[in-house]
Amino acid sequence: MKAMEVDRLRTPGMHAVGTVPGLHLQVLPSGGRTWVLRVTVGEQATGAQRRREIGLGGYPEVPLKDAWQKARELRDKLKDGRDPVEERRAAKSALRAAAASTITFEDAAGKYIAAHEKSWSNAKHADQWRNTLKTYAYPHIGKLHVSDINITHVLSVLEPIWHEKTETATRVRSRMEHVLTWAKGRGYRTGDNPARKEALVAQLPEARSVAKVKHHTALPVAEVPAFMTQLRGQDGAGARALEFAILTAARSGEVRGATWGEVDFENKVWTVPAERMKAKKEHRVPLTAAALKLIPRPDGTKDDDLIFPAQRGGTLSDMTLSAVLKRMKVEAVPHGFRSSFRDWAAERTNHPHEVAEMALAHVVGNKVEAAYRRGDLFEKRRAIMKDWEKFCCIRETR
C-alpha cells in the first residue's frame, strides 16, 4: 500500500500493508490506529516457535515509511535468532533492578530513621536525627547514591563544622556511619564505611582536642541542702517534680513521665518500665519518706495518670523544671543534680562505687561482670538513698 491508501484505512481490524512481511495497521473500534508486526520467533526444528505481535507505535505519529524501517530492523534481528520482545522485557527488568539496587543517602537515612525511631528513648531523638542530617549532610550528599559515597564526600560534610561545632559534627558523623552501615546490610553499597571514626583518624583532629566537653551544670555538693530548703518553698508541679527527681537521683524524663501505677506505696518502690529508661532496662527506685511525702495519691486517679501532670494536662516539659531553677536564680540544670549526687556519694560516704552507679541507672562494669551480676543491689541502694535524703533535707551549717 501507498501512504494515501494506508491513511484511508478506517475499518476496525488488522490490515496488511505489504512491502515488509507481517506489517499490519490495526484499526481499533475507537478509531485509533497503531502499527503491529506479526512474526514467528524460535527454532522450527525444535518446535520452540512462538507467535509475536510487536507494537511499532501509533499512526499517523509513526508514518508508513518509518513503520517499514522499524519492521525491517526487527526482522533482521529475528534472522540472528533474537527475540525482540524478550529483549525489551530483559532491558526493562535490568532498569528496574538497577533502580532498586541503589538509593540516595537522603532516602536511606529516611528508611533508617523509620526503622529505628520506635526503639529510641524519646521522640526528640528522631527529630534531632532528621534535623542534623537535613542541615549538615543532605546539602552535600543527600542526592548522591549511597553506593557512590566515599571519604571525600564525608569530609565535605564534616570539615566545615568540625572546629566550630565539634559536638554536632561528631553526632553527624555517627549518624552518617549508621545510615551507610544500614545501606550496606541491605545490599545498596559495598566496601568499607567511609564515615567510620577509624577511617577519619588521619583526616580530622580528635574531637576532644578541638572542643572541650561540656558537662551539665551542677550545683556544688555543699550547696545542695540549702537549695533543697529553698526549693521546698516553691509552688507548682515543676518544683515538686524537680524535688522528687533530686531525692530519687532520677532523670527528668523518667520523673515527668511517671504514673501512679508505677509506684508501690506499700513496699516504697517506684518501678520505671524499660521503655522509659535510657538503657531500655526496667529500673527499681527505692523511695524514701521525703520522696513519698511529695506524691500522696489523690482519690479517683487511674494507674496510667501522670503523677506530675502539666497545668493544662499532658506531660511536663523539661523546660518547666529548668524554669524553676531560673526563677530561683540557681546556676544549674535539672540533670546536673545527678552529678551532685554522684559527687556526694564519692566524697562524703563510704557507699561502694557500683551502688551509686546503679542508683543512677548507669551500666555497671564490663559485659562479663554484667553477665554475672544478676541483682540490682536494691537493699544497698535503699540505704544510700536514705543517706542522700538526710543530706538533702538537713540544711548544712557553714
Protein backbone atom coordinates (compact mmCIF):
# COMPACT_ATOMS: atom_id res chain seq x y z
CA MET A 1 0.00 0.00 0.00
CA LYS A 2 0.94 3.58 -0.53
CA ALA A 3 0.77 6.18 2.19
CA MET A 4 -2.51 7.59 0.90
CA GLU A 5 -4.13 4.15 0.87
CA VAL A 6 -2.96 3.46 4.40
CA ASP A 7 -4.43 6.77 5.54
CA ARG A 8 -7.84 5.72 4.22
CA LEU A 9 -7.97 2.55 6.31
CA ARG A 10 -10.83 3.09 8.81
CA THR A 11 -12.46 -0.34 9.15
CA PRO A 12 -11.69 -1.94 12.55
CA GLY A 13 -9.33 -4.89 12.31
CA MET A 14 -5.82 -5.86 11.17
CA HIS A 15 -4.80 -4.62 7.69
CA ALA A 16 -1.66 -5.97 5.98
CA VAL A 17 0.13 -3.10 4.22
CA GLY A 18 2.70 -5.13 2.24
CA THR A 19 6.38 -4.38 1.48
CA VAL A 20 7.54 -5.89 4.81
CA PRO A 21 6.03 -9.32 5.63
CA GLY A 22 3.86 -9.27 8.74
CA LEU A 23 3.46 -5.49 8.97
CA HIS A 24 -0.14 -4.51 9.74
CA LEU A 25 -2.06 -1.40 10.61
CA GLN A 26 -4.51 -2.21 13.40
CA VAL A 27 -7.65 -0.07 13.40
CA LEU A 28 -9.31 -0.09 16.81
CA PRO A 29 -13.10 0.17 17.37
CA SER A 30 -12.44 3.53 18.99
CA GLY A 31 -10.89 4.79 15.76
CA GLY A 32 -7.32 4.72 16.94
CA ARG A 33 -4.69 3.20 14.66
CA THR A 34 -1.41 1.54 15.53
CA TRP A 35 1.33 -0.43 13.78
CA VAL A 36 1.76 -4.13 14.59
CA LEU A 37 4.39 -6.52 13.28
CA ARG A 38 3.31 -10.16 13.30
CA VAL A 39 6.27 -12.55 13.35
CA THR A 40 7.27 -16.07 14.40
CA VAL A 41 10.30 -16.46 16.68
CA GLY A 42 12.26 -19.51 17.78
CA GLU A 43 13.59 -22.59 16.04
CA GLN A 44 11.23 -24.57 13.84
CA ALA A 45 13.34 -27.72 14.16
CA THR A 46 12.94 -27.87 17.93
CA GLY A 47 9.30 -26.87 17.90
CA ALA A 48 10.03 -23.92 20.13
CA GLN A 49 8.49 -21.34 17.83
CA ARG A 50 6.16 -18.64 19.16
CA ARG A 51 3.95 -16.03 17.53
CA ARG A 52 4.70 -12.45 18.46
CA GLU A 53 2.76 -9.26 17.82
CA ILE A 54 5.13 -6.36 18.29
CA GLY A 55 3.83 -2.82 18.54
CA LEU A 56 5.71 -0.23 16.48
CA GLY A 57 3.86 2.90 17.55
CA GLY A 58 0.67 4.75 16.65
CA TYR A 59 -0.37 6.10 13.28
CA PRO A 60 -0.02 8.80 12.00
CA GLU A 61 2.61 9.69 14.66
CA VAL A 62 4.71 6.90 13.07
CA PRO A 63 4.26 7.29 9.30
CA LEU A 64 4.30 4.37 6.84
CA LYS A 65 7.93 4.93 5.89
CA ASP A 66 9.11 4.78 9.49
CA ALA A 67 6.96 1.73 10.18
CA TRP A 68 8.63 -0.08 7.25
CA GLN A 69 12.07 0.83 8.65
CA LYS A 70 11.26 -0.41 12.14
CA ALA A 71 9.75 -3.61 10.81
CA ARG A 72 12.85 -4.35 8.65
CA GLU A 73 15.18 -3.81 11.65
CA LEU A 74 13.15 -6.18 13.81
CA ARG A 75 13.05 -8.87 11.10
CA ASP A 76 16.84 -8.61 10.78
CA LYS A 77 17.10 -9.37 14.49
CA LEU A 78 14.90 -12.41 14.02
CA LYS A 79 17.33 -13.76 11.41
CA ASP A 80 20.02 -13.77 14.13
CA GLY A 81 17.78 -15.85 16.41
CA ARG A 82 16.95 -12.95 18.74
CA ASP A 83 13.53 -12.33 20.28
CA PRO A 84 12.81 -8.56 20.32
CA VAL A 85 10.02 -8.93 22.88
CA GLU A 86 12.21 -10.85 25.30
CA GLU A 87 15.00 -8.33 24.78
CA ARG A 88 12.64 -5.49 25.66
CA ARG A 89 11.48 -7.32 28.77
CA ALA A 90 15.06 -8.03 29.80
CA ALA A 91 16.02 -4.39 29.30
CA LYS A 92 13.08 -3.18 31.41
CA SER A 93 13.89 -5.75 34.08
CA ALA A 94 17.52 -4.60 34.12
CA LEU A 95 16.42 -0.98 34.51
CA ARG A 96 14.13 -1.89 37.38
CA ALA A 97 16.88 -3.92 39.04
CA ALA A 98 19.35 -1.06 38.64
CA ALA A 99 16.87 1.38 40.14
CA ALA A 100 16.20 -0.96 43.05
CA SER A 101 19.88 -1.69 43.65
CA THR A 102 20.69 1.78 44.95
CA ILE A 103 19.04 4.69 46.69
CA THR A 104 20.11 8.17 47.64
CA PHE A 105 21.62 8.95 51.03
CA GLU A 106 18.55 11.01 51.94
CA ASP A 107 16.22 8.11 51.13
CA ALA A 108 18.43 5.67 53.03
CA ALA A 109 18.50 7.96 56.07
CA GLY A 110 14.72 8.23 55.99
CA LYS A 111 14.35 4.46 55.93
CA TYR A 112 16.91 4.02 58.71
CA ILE A 113 15.12 6.50 60.98
CA ALA A 114 11.73 4.95 60.27
CA ALA A 115 13.10 1.50 61.16
CA HIS A 116 14.68 2.59 64.45
CA GLU A 117 12.78 5.56 65.88
CA LYS A 118 10.33 3.42 67.86
CA SER A 119 13.25 1.95 69.80
CA TRP A 120 14.72 5.35 70.69
CA SER A 121 14.14 6.75 74.16
CA ASN A 122 12.12 9.78 73.09
CA ALA A 123 10.60 11.49 70.06
CA LYS A 124 13.16 14.30 70.25
CA HIS A 125 15.90 11.87 69.27
CA ALA A 126 14.27 11.14 65.91
CA ASP A 127 13.76 14.86 65.33
CA GLN A 128 17.42 15.51 66.10
CA TRP A 129 18.44 12.85 63.57
CA ARG A 130 16.25 14.39 60.88
CA ASN A 131 17.25 17.97 61.61
CA THR A 132 21.03 17.46 61.82
CA LEU A 133 21.18 15.39 58.64
CA LYS A 134 18.91 17.84 56.81
CA THR A 135 21.02 20.81 57.90
CA TYR A 136 24.53 19.43 57.51
CA ALA A 137 24.55 16.23 55.41
CA TYR A 138 21.81 16.49 52.79
CA PRO A 139 23.15 19.67 51.12
CA HIS A 140 26.38 17.77 50.33
CA ILE A 141 25.42 14.11 49.93
CA GLY A 142 21.62 13.91 50.16
CA LYS A 143 21.11 13.32 46.43
CA LEU A 144 24.10 11.02 45.98
CA HIS A 145 23.57 7.27 45.68
CA VAL A 146 24.80 5.58 48.83
CA SER A 147 26.86 3.27 46.60
CA ASP A 148 28.89 6.26 45.39
CA ILE A 149 29.66 7.94 48.72
CA ASN A 150 33.33 7.92 49.66
CA ILE A 151 35.54 9.58 52.27
CA THR A 152 35.80 12.79 50.22
CA HIS A 153 32.04 13.19 50.39
CA VAL A 154 32.02 12.52 54.13
CA LEU A 155 34.72 15.15 54.68
CA SER A 156 32.73 17.67 52.64
CA VAL A 157 30.06 17.36 55.33
CA LEU A 158 32.31 17.35 58.39
CA GLU A 159 35.18 19.74 57.65
CA PRO A 160 33.09 22.95 57.59
CA ILE A 161 31.72 22.26 61.12
CA TRP A 162 34.42 20.16 62.79
CA HIS A 163 36.14 23.02 64.62
CA GLU A 164 33.24 25.39 65.24
CA LYS A 165 30.51 22.83 66.04
CA THR A 166 32.53 19.84 67.13
CA GLU A 167 29.88 18.10 69.21
CA THR A 168 27.30 18.45 66.44
CA ALA A 169 29.85 17.26 63.88
CA THR A 170 30.62 14.10 65.85
CA ARG A 171 26.92 13.29 66.00
CA VAL A 172 26.50 13.89 62.28
CA ARG A 173 29.47 11.60 61.60
CA SER A 174 28.00 8.85 63.76
CA ARG A 175 24.62 9.19 62.07
CA MET A 176 26.16 9.01 58.60
CA GLU A 177 28.04 5.88 59.69
CA HIS A 178 24.83 4.21 60.88
CA VAL A 179 22.99 5.05 57.66
CA LEU A 180 25.79 3.72 55.45
CA THR A 181 26.09 0.57 57.56
CA TRP A 182 22.35 0.02 57.12
CA ALA A 183 22.71 0.59 53.36
CA LYS A 184 25.48 -2.00 53.11
CA GLY A 185 23.41 -4.52 55.05
CA ARG A 186 20.56 -4.01 52.58
CA GLY A 187 22.84 -4.53 49.60
CA TYR A 188 22.85 -0.90 48.42
CA ARG A 189 26.62 -0.48 48.75
CA THR A 190 29.81 -2.50 49.25
CA GLY A 191 33.22 -1.87 50.76
CA ASP A 192 34.32 -0.09 53.92
CA ASN A 193 32.24 2.57 55.59
CA PRO A 194 33.89 5.97 54.90
CA ALA A 195 32.14 7.59 57.88
CA ARG A 196 33.74 5.26 60.43
CA LYS A 197 35.72 7.01 63.15
CA GLU A 198 38.77 4.92 62.29
CA ALA A 199 38.60 5.92 58.63
CA LEU A 200 38.81 9.62 59.54
CA VAL A 201 41.66 9.50 62.09
CA ALA A 202 44.23 10.83 59.63
CA GLN A 203 41.83 13.34 58.10
CA LEU A 204 40.43 15.20 61.11
CA PRO A 205 41.88 16.10 64.53
CA GLU A 206 40.41 14.31 67.52
CA ALA A 207 37.18 15.90 68.65
CA ARG A 208 38.35 16.25 72.25
CA SER A 209 41.41 18.17 71.10
CA VAL A 210 39.40 20.87 69.34
CA ALA A 211 36.43 21.21 71.69
CA LYS A 212 36.15 20.87 75.44
CA VAL A 213 33.47 18.52 76.70
CA LYS A 214 30.60 20.48 78.20
CA HIS A 215 29.10 18.80 81.24
CA HIS A 216 25.68 19.54 82.64
CA THR A 217 25.92 22.47 85.04
CA ALA A 218 25.69 21.00 88.55
CA LEU A 219 25.24 22.57 91.96
CA PRO A 220 28.25 22.07 94.27
CA VAL A 221 27.53 19.38 96.85
CA ALA A 222 27.90 21.78 99.77
CA GLU A 223 25.08 23.97 98.43
CA VAL A 224 22.53 21.19 97.91
CA PRO A 225 20.92 21.17 101.42
CA ALA A 226 20.32 24.94 101.41
CA PHE A 227 18.97 24.74 97.88
CA MET A 228 16.53 21.98 98.87
CA THR A 229 15.20 24.18 101.67
CA GLN A 230 14.56 26.95 99.14
CA LEU A 231 13.05 24.51 96.65
CA ARG A 232 10.50 23.27 99.18
CA GLY A 233 9.21 26.84 99.36
CA GLN A 234 8.48 26.94 95.60
CA ASP A 235 4.96 26.24 94.33
CA GLY A 236 3.89 24.25 91.28
CA ALA A 237 4.19 20.80 89.73
CA GLY A 238 7.56 21.71 88.22
CA ALA A 239 9.07 22.38 91.66
CA ARG A 240 7.66 19.14 93.10
CA ALA A 241 8.84 17.11 90.12
CA LEU A 242 12.33 18.61 90.45
CA GLU A 243 12.42 17.87 94.18
CA PHE A 244 11.30 14.29 93.55
CA ALA A 245 13.92 13.89 90.81
CA ILE A 246 16.68 15.09 93.14
CA LEU A 247 15.62 12.80 96.02
CA THR A 248 15.49 9.78 93.69
CA ALA A 249 18.56 10.75 91.58
CA ALA A 250 16.36 10.06 88.55
CA ARG A 251 16.44 11.63 85.11
CA SER A 252 13.99 14.42 84.38
CA GLY A 253 12.21 12.43 81.67
CA GLU A 254 11.70 9.45 83.98
CA VAL A 255 10.06 11.68 86.60
CA ARG A 256 7.96 13.70 84.18
CA GLY A 257 6.57 10.50 82.66
CA ALA A 258 5.96 8.74 86.00
CA THR A 259 2.45 7.33 86.52
CA TRP A 260 0.62 6.24 89.68
CA GLY A 261 0.63 2.62 88.57
CA GLU A 262 4.43 2.56 88.69
CA VAL A 263 4.54 3.26 92.44
CA ASP A 264 4.19 0.53 95.06
CA PHE A 265 3.34 2.60 98.13
CA GLU A 266 3.28 -0.41 100.45
CA ASN A 267 6.82 -1.51 99.61
CA LYS A 268 8.05 2.03 98.89
CA VAL A 269 9.25 1.26 95.37
CA TRP A 270 8.92 3.15 92.11
CA THR A 271 9.42 0.87 89.09
CA VAL A 272 10.27 2.66 85.87
CA PRO A 273 9.42 0.46 82.85
CA ALA A 274 12.16 -0.40 80.37
CA GLU A 275 10.66 1.65 77.54
CA ARG A 276 11.13 4.85 79.54
CA MET A 277 14.70 4.11 80.60
CA LYS A 278 17.73 5.23 78.67
CA ALA A 279 19.29 1.75 78.87
CA LYS A 280 15.94 0.11 77.95
CA LYS A 281 16.05 -1.92 81.16
CA GLU A 282 13.47 -1.80 83.96
CA HIS A 283 14.73 0.20 86.93
CA ARG A 284 13.50 -0.06 90.54
CA VAL A 285 13.90 3.05 92.66
CA PRO A 286 13.70 2.85 96.47
CA LEU A 287 11.52 5.67 97.79
CA THR A 288 12.42 7.48 100.99
CA ALA A 289 9.92 9.06 103.34
CA ALA A 290 10.62 12.52 101.92
CA ALA A 291 10.06 11.30 98.36
CA LEU A 292 6.80 9.57 99.29
CA LYS A 293 5.58 12.72 101.06
CA LEU A 294 5.76 14.50 97.68
CA ILE A 295 3.37 12.07 95.97
CA PRO A 296 0.30 11.36 98.10
CA ARG A 297 -2.06 9.64 95.69
CA PRO A 298 -5.36 11.52 95.24
CA ASP A 299 -8.60 9.56 95.22
CA GLY A 300 -10.00 8.72 91.82
CA THR A 301 -6.69 8.63 89.95
CA LYS A 302 -6.04 5.87 87.45
CA ASP A 303 -2.85 3.84 87.19
CA ASP A 304 -1.93 5.45 83.89
CA ASP A 305 -2.46 9.02 85.16
CA LEU A 306 0.68 11.13 85.44
CA ILE A 307 1.96 11.91 88.93
CA PHE A 308 3.25 15.32 87.83
CA PRO A 309 0.93 16.48 85.03
CA ALA A 310 1.27 19.85 83.32
CA GLN A 311 -1.16 22.56 84.35
CA ARG A 312 -3.15 22.13 81.14
CA GLY A 313 -2.80 18.38 81.06
CA GLY A 314 -0.20 16.15 79.45
CA THR A 315 3.44 15.71 80.36
CA LEU A 316 5.51 18.48 81.90
CA SER A 317 8.22 19.79 79.59
CA ASP A 318 11.87 19.67 80.59
CA MET A 319 11.86 23.45 80.36
CA THR A 320 9.34 23.60 83.21
CA LEU A 321 11.90 22.12 85.61
CA SER A 322 14.62 24.37 84.21
CA ALA A 323 12.33 27.37 84.70
CA VAL A 324 12.14 26.60 88.43
CA LEU A 325 15.92 26.88 88.71
CA LYS A 326 15.96 30.03 86.61
CA ARG A 327 13.28 31.58 88.80
CA MET A 328 15.37 30.74 91.86
CA LYS A 329 18.44 32.22 90.12
CA VAL A 330 20.38 28.97 90.54
CA GLU A 331 23.18 28.28 88.04
CA ALA A 332 22.40 24.62 87.41
CA VAL A 333 20.28 22.35 85.22
CA PRO A 334 17.95 19.56 86.42
CA HIS A 335 20.24 16.81 85.10
CA GLY A 336 23.16 18.35 86.99
CA PHE A 337 21.77 17.15 90.32
CA ARG A 338 22.62 13.59 89.29
CA SER A 339 26.25 14.77 89.20
CA SER A 340 25.78 16.38 92.60
CA PHE A 341 24.51 13.03 93.92
CA ARG A 342 27.48 11.20 92.40
CA ASP A 343 29.97 13.66 93.88
CA TRP A 344 28.29 13.41 97.28
CA ALA A 345 28.43 9.59 97.22
CA ALA A 346 32.11 9.58 96.28
CA GLU A 347 33.31 12.41 98.53
CA ARG A 348 31.12 12.13 101.63
CA THR A 349 30.09 8.49 102.01
CA ASN A 350 31.56 5.01 102.11
CA HIS A 351 28.94 3.54 99.82
CA PRO A 352 30.53 1.38 97.09
CA HIS A 353 31.03 2.88 93.66
CA GLU A 354 28.78 0.33 91.95
CA VAL A 355 25.89 1.06 94.33
CA ALA A 356 25.96 4.76 93.44
CA GLU A 357 26.20 3.91 89.76
CA MET A 358 23.21 1.57 89.95
CA ALA A 359 21.25 4.23 91.81
CA LEU A 360 21.82 6.43 88.75
CA ALA A 361 20.76 3.56 86.47
CA HIS A 362 24.18 3.53 84.85
CA VAL A 363 25.51 0.38 83.22
CA VAL A 364 27.92 -1.12 85.74
CA GLY A 365 31.18 -2.80 84.73
CA ASN A 366 32.02 -4.64 81.55
CA LYS A 367 29.92 -7.24 79.76
CA VAL A 368 31.49 -10.14 81.68
CA GLU A 369 30.80 -8.50 85.04
CA ALA A 370 27.26 -7.62 83.99
CA ALA A 371 26.61 -11.22 82.96
CA TYR A 372 27.42 -12.48 86.48
CA ARG A 373 25.73 -9.67 88.40
CA ARG A 374 22.05 -10.59 88.13
CA GLY A 375 20.78 -8.48 91.03
CA ASP A 376 20.30 -4.73 91.22
CA LEU A 377 21.76 -4.20 94.75
CA PHE A 378 18.35 -2.89 95.73
CA GLU A 379 18.69 -3.01 99.54
CA LYS A 380 22.09 -1.36 99.36
CA ARG A 381 20.57 1.29 97.12
CA ARG A 382 17.80 1.83 99.64
CA ALA A 383 20.47 2.59 102.24
CA ILE A 384 22.31 5.09 100.04
CA MET A 385 19.07 6.87 99.14
CA LYS A 386 18.17 7.22 102.84
CA ASP A 387 21.55 8.83 103.47
CA TRP A 388 21.02 11.13 100.47
CA GLU A 389 17.61 12.09 101.87
CA LYS A 390 19.16 13.02 105.24
CA PHE A 391 21.79 15.12 103.49
CA CYS A 392 19.27 16.90 101.25
CA CYS A 393 16.74 17.61 103.96
CA ILE A 394 19.03 19.00 106.67
CA ARG A 395 20.45 22.42 105.94
CA GLU A 396 24.22 22.29 106.13
CA THR A 397 25.88 24.67 108.58
CA ARG A 398 28.83 26.71 107.40
